Amino acid sequence: MHPSVNVLGTPLEACSNDPLTGWYRDGCCNTDDNDRGSHTVCCVVNEAFLNFAKEQGNDLITPAPQFNFPGLNPGDSWCVCARTWLEAVNAGQACPVDLESTHQRALDIIPLDVLETHAL
């Protein structure tokens, strides 16, 4: 696992325990080299983002019990793929991000100033 540090250079804070999120399902946007999607951006999802992700083939709305995934509702916090979130930004469909809970590896894909523009 990569060090638990956020985009601000401080200790990574929890994103969500209800629903339980994260690559490790530890409530944080921790990551490692096996996390090809870079589930590092802690978002408070909204309807626009959920619909955008679904249109891109990433259905975050429909529950998938076999993967212990409850399905998301607007207002839920979730560690989303950095590229998906950046694509949503470019399409005008981004949701807010929690910088303290967004892993520093998100910066490999998303510039800090873009994240700051959408910070809670």
Protein backbone atom coordinates (compact mmCIF):
# COMPACT_ATOMS: atom_id res chain seq x y z
CA MET A 1 0.00 0.00 0.00
CA HIS A 2 1.18 3.51 -0.79
CA PRO A 3 1.57 5.86 2.21
CA SER A 4 -1.73 7.25 3.51
CA VAL A 5 -1.14 10.88 2.60
CA ASN A 6 -3.68 13.26 1.07
CA VAL A 7 -3.26 15.80 -1.74
CA LEU A 8 -2.41 18.48 0.84
CA GLY A 9 0.52 16.44 2.17
CA THR A 10 -1.11 15.62 5.50
CA PRO A 11 -2.41 12.28 6.85
CA LEU A 12 -5.24 10.84 4.76
CA GLU A 13 -8.62 11.17 6.47
CA ALA A 14 -11.52 8.73 6.15
CA CYS A 15 -13.85 9.20 3.19
CA SER A 16 -16.83 7.04 4.19
CA ASN A 17 -17.66 4.15 6.48
CA ASP A 18 -21.35 4.14 5.49
CA PRO A 19 -21.27 3.08 2.76
CA LEU A 20 -17.85 1.51 3.33
CA THR A 21 -15.59 2.75 0.54
CA GLY A 22 -12.05 2.43 -0.70
CA TRP A 23 -9.92 0.07 -2.76
CA TYR A 24 -9.28 -1.80 0.51
CA ARG A 25 -12.84 -1.18 1.80
CA ASP A 26 -11.21 0.49 4.80
CA GLY A 27 -13.20 3.73 4.58
CA CYS A 28 -10.23 5.58 3.05
CA CYS A 29 -9.04 6.21 -0.50
CA ASN A 30 -5.88 4.20 0.05
CA THR A 31 -4.32 2.63 -3.01
CA ASP A 32 -1.58 0.36 -4.29
CA ASP A 33 -0.06 -0.59 -7.64
CA ASN A 34 -2.87 -3.11 -8.29
CA ASP A 35 -5.50 -0.34 -8.21
CA ARG A 36 -5.55 0.27 -11.96
CA GLY A 37 -8.53 2.63 -11.68
CA SER A 38 -6.81 4.76 -9.02
CA HIS A 39 -9.81 4.90 -6.64
CA THR A 40 -8.23 7.88 -4.94
CA VAL A 41 -10.66 10.81 -5.19
CA CYS A 42 -13.04 11.18 -2.23
CA CYS A 43 -16.22 12.64 -3.67
CA VAL A 44 -19.62 13.56 -2.38
CA VAL A 45 -21.52 12.17 -5.33
CA ASN A 46 -24.45 14.00 -6.87
CA GLU A 47 -27.05 12.93 -9.42
CA ALA A 48 -25.20 14.52 -12.35
CA PHE A 49 -21.98 12.66 -11.55
CA LEU A 50 -23.73 9.34 -10.93
CA ASN A 51 -25.55 9.59 -14.26
CA PHE A 52 -22.35 10.61 -16.06
CA ALA A 53 -20.42 7.65 -14.61
CA LYS A 54 -23.24 5.28 -15.57
CA GLU A 55 -23.24 6.62 -19.13
CA GLN A 56 -19.50 5.91 -19.24
CA GLY A 57 -20.12 2.28 -18.22
CA ASN A 58 -19.40 2.71 -14.50
CA ASP A 59 -22.75 2.11 -12.80
CA LEU A 60 -22.40 3.36 -9.24
CA ILE A 61 -26.16 3.45 -8.68
CA THR A 62 -27.22 -0.19 -8.98
CA PRO A 63 -26.42 -2.36 -5.94
CA ALA A 64 -24.06 -5.29 -6.59
CA PRO A 65 -24.34 -7.47 -3.46
CA GLN A 66 -21.89 -10.02 -4.87
CA PHE A 67 -19.21 -7.31 -4.56
CA ASN A 68 -20.52 -5.96 -1.25
CA PHE A 69 -21.56 -2.79 -3.10
CA PRO A 70 -24.77 -1.15 -1.86
CA GLY A 71 -25.24 1.29 -4.74
CA LEU A 72 -24.78 5.01 -4.21
CA ASN A 73 -27.25 7.83 -3.69
CA PRO A 74 -26.68 11.56 -4.08
CA GLY A 75 -24.92 12.82 -0.95
CA ASP A 76 -22.93 9.62 -0.36
CA SER A 77 -19.16 9.91 -0.09
CA TRP A 78 -17.15 7.45 -2.19
CA CYS A 79 -13.60 6.90 -3.45
CA VAL A 80 -13.96 7.23 -7.21
CA CYS A 81 -11.52 6.59 -10.03
CA ALA A 82 -9.39 9.64 -10.70
CA ARG A 83 -9.83 9.42 -14.49
CA THR A 84 -13.61 9.09 -14.21
CA TRP A 85 -13.77 12.16 -11.99
CA LEU A 86 -11.51 14.15 -14.33
CA GLU A 87 -13.64 13.12 -17.32
CA ALA A 88 -16.69 14.35 -15.38
CA VAL A 89 -14.92 17.68 -14.79
CA ASN A 90 -14.24 18.02 -18.51
CA ALA A 91 -17.91 17.23 -19.24
CA GLY A 92 -19.18 19.72 -16.65
CA GLN A 93 -20.56 16.93 -14.45
CA ALA A 94 -18.08 16.87 -11.55
CA CYS A 95 -19.14 16.43 -7.96
CA PRO A 96 -17.45 18.01 -4.93
CA VAL A 97 -14.26 16.49 -3.50
CA ASP A 98 -12.92 16.23 0.03
CA LEU A 99 -9.24 17.18 -0.27
CA GLU A 100 -8.30 15.85 3.16
CA SER A 101 -9.66 12.43 2.14
CA THR A 102 -8.31 12.37 -1.43
CA HIS A 103 -5.11 10.33 -1.74
CA GLN A 104 -1.99 12.06 -3.05
CA ARG A 105 -1.80 9.52 -5.91
CA ALA A 106 -4.78 11.32 -7.47
CA LEU A 107 -2.24 14.04 -8.36
CA ASP A 108 -0.70 11.60 -10.86
CA ILE A 109 -3.84 12.20 -12.96
CA ILE A 110 -5.49 15.40 -11.72
CA PRO A 111 -3.76 18.74 -11.12
CA LEU A 112 -4.18 20.07 -7.57
CA ASP A 113 -5.73 23.32 -8.78
CA VAL A 114 -8.51 21.36 -10.52
CA LEU A 115 -9.23 19.45 -7.31
CA GLU A 116 -9.18 22.70 -5.31
CA THR A 117 -11.74 24.24 -7.67
CA HIS A 118 -14.18 21.48 -6.71
CA ALA A 119 -13.29 21.18 -3.01
CA LEU A 120 -15.98 21.10 -0.34
